Structures are given as structure tokens and as C-alpha cells.
Amino acid sequence: MDSAKTFVGGALSGAVAATLVTPADVVKTHLQLRAHSGCNPTVSGAIHSIVTRQGAPALFAGLGPRLMRIPIYNAFTMLTFEYLKAMFAKKNLEASNLKIEAAHNNDAETPA
């Protein structure tokens, strides 16, 4: 896969993942804040509280900054992974070829 496709694919997958997990992260933060204040909240109670007080879009609070960071991070992670994968594949192929060549040379030198 070429670098541009890897970069775009990594960025898009990072954006989708960030968007999908943001509501869970908002609920988690809400639960942590409530627990810190002495309450014993539930997940359904936290969702209900957020939606009734602030509306459903509040479940996506902080998505903008996440989308400025995570897709770029993910894109560079995927580029690095693909680069290292290709580099190690090339090194492994070279090492395999050297072993095959050495075995062939040993077979040629050994009298039958």
C-alpha cells in the first residue's frame, strides 16, 4: 500500500474511532466526577443526566479537539507500522536468501 493511502486510511480510521468512543468517554468522565463527589452513579443514570440537562449532543463534548489530534496520531502510527513491516520483510527475505545460498554452496562442495 502506498504512503498516501496508508496516511489517509489511518487518519480516517482514527477519526471514526474517536467519534465512536467519545460518548463512552464523556459518560466515564461524568461517572468519575460524580463518584468523587460522594455519589454512587450508574452508567444509565449518567447518560440520562447528561442528555436531560445538556441534550444528546453533549455526549460528543470534546470531539473537536479529539479530531484534531487522534487522526493525525493514527495516520503517523500506520505509516510507521507499514514502513517497519516492509523494512523487516526485506531484511527477512535477504536473510532467507543468504541461508539458501549458503545451503546450496554447502551441497555443491560436499562430495556425493
N, C-alpha and C. Protein backbone atom coordinates (compact mmCIF):
# COMPACT_ATOMS: atom_id res chain seq x y z
N MET A 1 0.85 -1.17 0.00
CA MET A 1 0.00 0.00 0.00
C MET A 1 0.89 1.23 0.00
N ASP A 2 0.55 2.22 -0.81
CA ASP A 2 1.41 3.40 -0.88
C ASP A 2 1.18 4.30 0.34
N SER A 3 2.10 5.21 0.54
CA SER A 3 2.12 6.04 1.75
C SER A 3 0.89 6.93 1.87
N ALA A 4 0.42 7.49 0.76
CA ALA A 4 -0.74 8.38 0.82
C ALA A 4 -1.98 7.63 1.27
N LYS A 5 -2.18 6.44 0.72
CA LYS A 5 -3.34 5.63 1.11
C LYS A 5 -3.24 5.21 2.57
N THR A 6 -2.05 4.85 3.00
CA THR A 6 -1.85 4.47 4.40
C THR A 6 -2.15 5.64 5.32
N PHE A 7 -1.67 6.83 4.95
CA PHE A 7 -1.88 8.02 5.77
C PHE A 7 -3.37 8.35 5.87
N VAL A 8 -4.04 8.37 4.72
CA VAL A 8 -5.47 8.71 4.70
C VAL A 8 -6.28 7.64 5.44
N GLY A 9 -5.95 6.38 5.19
CA GLY A 9 -6.66 5.30 5.87
C GLY A 9 -6.48 5.37 7.38
N GLY A 10 -5.26 5.66 7.82
CA GLY A 10 -5.00 5.80 9.25
C GLY A 10 -5.76 6.98 9.85
N ALA A 11 -5.78 8.09 9.12
CA ALA A 11 -6.48 9.28 9.62
C ALA A 11 -7.99 9.02 9.69
N LEU A 12 -8.55 8.40 8.66
CA LEU A 12 -9.98 8.13 8.66
C LEU A 12 -10.37 7.14 9.75
N SER A 13 -9.58 6.11 9.92
CA SER A 13 -9.90 5.14 10.97
C SER A 13 -9.77 5.78 12.36
N GLY A 14 -8.81 6.65 12.52
CA GLY A 14 -8.67 7.37 13.79
C GLY A 14 -9.85 8.29 14.06
N ALA A 15 -10.34 8.95 13.01
CA ALA A 15 -11.48 9.85 13.16
C ALA A 15 -12.75 9.07 13.52
N VAL A 16 -12.95 7.95 12.85
CA VAL A 16 -14.14 7.13 13.14
C VAL A 16 -14.06 6.59 14.57
N ALA A 17 -12.91 6.07 14.94
CA ALA A 17 -12.75 5.52 16.29
C ALA A 17 -12.96 6.60 17.35
N ALA A 18 -12.38 7.78 17.14
CA ALA A 18 -12.54 8.87 18.11
C ALA A 18 -14.00 9.27 18.25
N THR A 19 -14.70 9.32 17.13
CA THR A 19 -16.12 9.70 17.15
C THR A 19 -16.96 8.65 17.88
N LEU A 20 -16.66 7.38 17.63
CA LEU A 20 -17.45 6.32 18.24
C LEU A 20 -17.24 6.19 19.75
N VAL A 21 -16.04 6.45 20.22
CA VAL A 21 -15.77 6.26 21.66
C VAL A 21 -15.99 7.52 22.49
N THR A 22 -16.19 8.67 21.86
CA THR A 22 -16.37 9.91 22.62
C THR A 22 -17.54 9.85 23.60
N PRO A 23 -18.73 9.36 23.20
CA PRO A 23 -19.81 9.29 24.19
C PRO A 23 -19.44 8.44 25.41
N ALA A 24 -18.77 7.33 25.19
CA ALA A 24 -18.37 6.49 26.33
C ALA A 24 -17.38 7.23 27.21
N ASP A 25 -16.49 8.00 26.62
CA ASP A 25 -15.52 8.75 27.40
C ASP A 25 -16.20 9.87 28.19
N VAL A 26 -17.19 10.52 27.59
CA VAL A 26 -17.94 11.57 28.30
C VAL A 26 -18.68 10.98 29.50
N VAL A 27 -19.31 9.82 29.29
CA VAL A 27 -20.03 9.16 30.39
C VAL A 27 -19.04 8.74 31.48
N LYS A 28 -17.90 8.21 31.08
CA LYS A 28 -16.88 7.80 32.07
C LYS A 28 -16.43 8.99 32.91
N THR A 29 -16.19 10.12 32.27
CA THR A 29 -15.77 11.31 32.99
C THR A 29 -16.87 11.78 33.93
N HIS A 30 -18.10 11.74 33.47
CA HIS A 30 -19.24 12.11 34.31
C HIS A 30 -19.32 11.20 35.54
N LEU A 31 -19.14 9.90 35.33
CA LEU A 31 -19.17 8.94 36.44
C LEU A 31 -18.04 9.21 37.44
N GLN A 32 -16.87 9.51 36.92
CA GLN A 32 -15.73 9.79 37.80
C GLN A 32 -15.97 11.04 38.65
N LEU A 33 -16.52 12.07 38.02
CA LEU A 33 -16.78 13.31 38.76
C LEU A 33 -17.85 13.09 39.82
N ARG A 34 -18.88 12.34 39.49
CA ARG A 34 -19.95 12.05 40.45
C ARG A 34 -19.42 11.19 41.60
N ALA A 35 -18.63 10.20 41.30
CA ALA A 35 -18.08 9.32 42.34
C ALA A 35 -17.16 10.11 43.27
N HIS A 36 -16.43 11.05 42.70
CA HIS A 36 -15.52 11.87 43.50
C HIS A 36 -16.29 12.75 44.49
N SER A 37 -17.51 13.12 44.11
CA SER A 37 -18.32 13.98 44.99
C SER A 37 -19.13 13.18 45.99
N GLY A 38 -18.93 11.87 46.03
CA GLY A 38 -19.60 11.04 47.03
C GLY A 38 -20.83 10.31 46.54
N CYS A 39 -21.23 10.53 45.31
CA CYS A 39 -22.40 9.83 44.76
C CYS A 39 -21.99 8.44 44.29
N ASN A 40 -22.98 7.60 44.09
CA ASN A 40 -22.74 6.26 43.54
C ASN A 40 -23.52 6.14 42.23
N PRO A 41 -23.03 6.76 41.15
CA PRO A 41 -23.79 6.83 39.90
C PRO A 41 -23.75 5.52 39.11
N THR A 42 -24.72 5.38 38.21
CA THR A 42 -24.75 4.25 37.28
C THR A 42 -24.54 4.79 35.88
N VAL A 43 -24.20 3.91 34.96
CA VAL A 43 -23.99 4.33 33.57
C VAL A 43 -25.28 4.88 32.99
N SER A 44 -26.38 4.16 33.18
CA SER A 44 -27.66 4.64 32.62
C SER A 44 -28.06 5.96 33.27
N GLY A 45 -27.79 6.10 34.56
CA GLY A 45 -28.10 7.36 35.24
C GLY A 45 -27.26 8.51 34.71
N ALA A 46 -26.00 8.23 34.42
CA ALA A 46 -25.11 9.26 33.88
C ALA A 46 -25.58 9.69 32.49
N ILE A 47 -25.93 8.73 31.65
CA ILE A 47 -26.42 9.06 30.30
C ILE A 47 -27.69 9.89 30.40
N HIS A 48 -28.61 9.46 31.25
CA HIS A 48 -29.87 10.19 31.43
C HIS A 48 -29.60 11.61 31.92
N SER A 49 -28.72 11.76 32.87
CA SER A 49 -28.40 13.08 33.42
C SER A 49 -27.80 13.99 32.35
N ILE A 50 -26.87 13.47 31.58
CA ILE A 50 -26.22 14.28 30.54
C ILE A 50 -27.24 14.71 29.49
N VAL A 51 -28.04 13.76 29.02
CA VAL A 51 -28.98 14.06 27.93
C VAL A 51 -30.09 15.00 28.40
N THR A 52 -30.61 14.81 29.61
CA THR A 52 -31.70 15.69 30.07
C THR A 52 -31.21 17.08 30.42
N ARG A 53 -30.01 17.20 30.94
CA ARG A 53 -29.50 18.53 31.32
C ARG A 53 -28.92 19.32 30.15
N GLN A 54 -28.23 18.61 29.26
CA GLN A 54 -27.48 19.32 28.22
C GLN A 54 -27.88 18.93 26.81
N GLY A 55 -28.66 17.87 26.65
CA GLY A 55 -29.05 17.41 25.33
C GLY A 55 -28.11 16.33 24.82
N ALA A 56 -28.59 15.58 23.84
CA ALA A 56 -27.81 14.46 23.30
C ALA A 56 -26.46 14.88 22.72
N PRO A 57 -26.35 16.06 22.08
CA PRO A 57 -25.04 16.46 21.56
C PRO A 57 -23.95 16.56 22.64
N ALA A 58 -24.36 16.72 23.90
CA ALA A 58 -23.37 16.81 24.98
C ALA A 58 -22.58 15.52 25.13
N LEU A 59 -23.13 14.40 24.63
CA LEU A 59 -22.38 13.13 24.67
C LEU A 59 -21.14 13.20 23.78
N PHE A 60 -21.10 14.17 22.89
CA PHE A 60 -19.95 14.33 21.99
C PHE A 60 -19.09 15.53 22.38
N ALA A 61 -19.19 15.96 23.62
CA ALA A 61 -18.38 17.08 24.11
C ALA A 61 -16.89 16.73 23.97
N GLY A 62 -16.14 17.67 23.44
CA GLY A 62 -14.69 17.45 23.28
C GLY A 62 -14.30 16.74 22.01
N LEU A 63 -15.28 16.47 21.14
CA LEU A 63 -14.96 15.75 19.90
C LEU A 63 -14.06 16.57 18.99
N GLY A 64 -14.28 17.87 18.93
CA GLY A 64 -13.45 18.72 18.06
C GLY A 64 -11.96 18.60 18.34
N PRO A 65 -11.55 18.83 19.59
CA PRO A 65 -10.12 18.68 19.89
C PRO A 65 -9.60 17.26 19.65
N ARG A 66 -10.43 16.26 19.93
CA ARG A 66 -10.01 14.87 19.67
C ARG A 66 -9.76 14.66 18.18
N LEU A 67 -10.63 15.24 17.35
CA LEU A 67 -10.48 15.06 15.90
C LEU A 67 -9.30 15.87 15.34
N MET A 68 -8.78 16.77 16.11
CA MET A 68 -7.58 17.50 15.68
C MET A 68 -6.32 16.72 16.04
N ARG A 69 -6.43 15.80 16.98
CA ARG A 69 -5.26 15.08 17.47
C ARG A 69 -5.22 13.63 17.01
N ILE A 70 -6.26 12.89 17.25
CA ILE A 70 -6.23 11.44 17.06
C ILE A 70 -6.03 11.01 15.60
N PRO A 71 -6.72 11.60 14.62
CA PRO A 71 -6.48 11.15 13.24
C PRO A 71 -5.02 11.34 12.79
N ILE A 72 -4.41 12.44 13.19
CA ILE A 72 -3.01 12.68 12.80
C ILE A 72 -2.10 11.66 13.48
N TYR A 73 -2.32 11.45 14.76
CA TYR A 73 -1.55 10.45 15.50
C TYR A 73 -1.70 9.07 14.86
N ASN A 74 -2.93 8.70 14.56
CA ASN A 74 -3.20 7.39 13.98
C ASN A 74 -2.59 7.26 12.59
N ALA A 75 -2.65 8.31 11.80
CA ALA A 75 -2.07 8.28 10.45
C ALA A 75 -0.56 8.03 10.51
N PHE A 76 0.12 8.74 11.39
CA PHE A 76 1.57 8.54 11.51
C PHE A 76 1.92 7.18 12.12
N THR A 77 1.07 6.68 13.00
CA THR A 77 1.28 5.35 13.55
C THR A 77 1.19 4.31 12.44
N MET A 78 0.19 4.42 11.58
CA MET A 78 0.02 3.46 10.49
C MET A 78 1.18 3.57 9.49
N LEU A 79 1.62 4.79 9.19
CA LEU A 79 2.77 4.96 8.29
C LEU A 79 4.01 4.30 8.86
N THR A 80 4.25 4.51 10.14
CA THR A 80 5.41 3.90 10.79
C THR A 80 5.32 2.39 10.77
N PHE A 81 4.14 1.86 11.08
CA PHE A 81 3.94 0.41 11.07
C PHE A 81 4.21 -0.17 9.69
N GLU A 82 3.64 0.42 8.65
CA GLU A 82 3.83 -0.09 7.29
C GLU A 82 5.28 0.00 6.85
N TYR A 83 5.95 1.09 7.22
CA TYR A 83 7.37 1.25 6.87
C TYR A 83 8.21 0.17 7.54
N LEU A 84 8.01 -0.02 8.84
CA LEU A 84 8.78 -1.03 9.57
C LEU A 84 8.45 -2.44 9.09
N LYS A 85 7.20 -2.69 8.77
CA LYS A 85 6.81 -4.00 8.26
C LYS A 85 7.54 -4.31 6.95
N ALA A 86 7.59 -3.33 6.05
CA ALA A 86 8.28 -3.51 4.78
C ALA A 86 9.78 -3.68 4.99
N MET A 87 10.34 -2.90 5.90
CA MET A 87 11.77 -2.99 6.18
C MET A 87 12.14 -4.37 6.73
N PHE A 88 11.37 -4.86 7.70
CA PHE A 88 11.66 -6.18 8.28
C PHE A 88 11.39 -7.31 7.29
N ALA A 89 10.40 -7.15 6.44
CA ALA A 89 10.13 -8.16 5.42
C ALA A 89 11.31 -8.26 4.46
N LYS A 90 11.86 -7.11 4.09
CA LYS A 90 13.03 -7.09 3.19
C LYS A 90 14.23 -7.74 3.87
N LYS A 91 14.46 -7.40 5.14
CA LYS A 91 15.59 -8.00 5.87
C LYS A 91 15.41 -9.51 6.00
N ASN A 92 14.21 -9.97 6.30
CA ASN A 92 13.95 -11.40 6.41
C ASN A 92 14.16 -12.12 5.09
N LEU A 93 13.75 -11.48 3.99
CA LEU A 93 13.94 -12.08 2.67
C LEU A 93 15.43 -12.17 2.35
N GLU A 94 16.17 -11.12 2.66
CA GLU A 94 17.61 -11.15 2.42
C GLU A 94 18.28 -12.25 3.25
N ALA A 95 17.89 -12.38 4.49
CA ALA A 95 18.47 -13.40 5.37
C ALA A 95 18.12 -14.79 4.86
N SER A 96 16.89 -14.98 4.40
CA SER A 96 16.47 -16.28 3.85
C SER A 96 17.26 -16.61 2.60
N ASN A 97 17.46 -15.62 1.75
CA ASN A 97 18.23 -15.85 0.53
C ASN A 97 19.67 -16.22 0.84
N LEU A 98 20.26 -15.58 1.86
CA LEU A 98 21.63 -15.91 2.25
C LEU A 98 21.71 -17.34 2.77
N LYS A 99 20.72 -17.77 3.55
CA LYS A 99 20.70 -19.14 4.07
C LYS A 99 20.55 -20.15 2.94
N ILE A 100 19.69 -19.84 1.99
CA ILE A 100 19.50 -20.74 0.85
C ILE A 100 20.78 -20.83 0.03
N GLU A 101 21.41 -19.67 -0.18
CA GLU A 101 22.66 -19.64 -0.94
C GLU A 101 23.75 -20.43 -0.21
N ALA A 102 23.85 -20.26 1.11
CA ALA A 102 24.85 -20.98 1.88
C ALA A 102 24.59 -22.49 1.83
N ALA A 103 23.34 -22.89 1.94
CA ALA A 103 23.00 -24.31 1.88
C ALA A 103 23.31 -24.87 0.50
N HIS A 104 23.05 -24.11 -0.54
CA HIS A 104 23.34 -24.54 -1.90
C HIS A 104 24.84 -24.71 -2.10
N ASN A 105 25.61 -23.74 -1.56
CA ASN A 105 27.07 -23.82 -1.68
C ASN A 105 27.61 -25.04 -0.91
N ASN A 106 27.06 -25.32 0.26
CA ASN A 106 27.50 -26.49 1.02
C ASN A 106 27.17 -27.80 0.28
N ASP A 107 26.03 -27.86 -0.36
CA ASP A 107 25.65 -29.04 -1.12
C ASP A 107 26.57 -29.24 -2.32
N ALA A 108 27.00 -28.14 -2.93
CA ALA A 108 27.86 -28.22 -4.11
C ALA A 108 29.27 -28.67 -3.72
N GLU A 109 29.72 -28.29 -2.51
CA GLU A 109 31.08 -28.64 -2.08
C GLU A 109 31.16 -30.07 -1.52
N THR A 110 30.06 -30.61 -1.04
CA THR A 110 30.06 -31.92 -0.42
C THR A 110 30.05 -33.01 -1.50
N PRO A 111 31.08 -33.90 -1.48
CA PRO A 111 31.08 -34.95 -2.49
C PRO A 111 29.98 -35.96 -2.19
N ALA A 112 29.44 -36.51 -3.25
CA ALA A 112 28.33 -37.48 -3.09
C ALA A 112 28.81 -38.86 -2.80
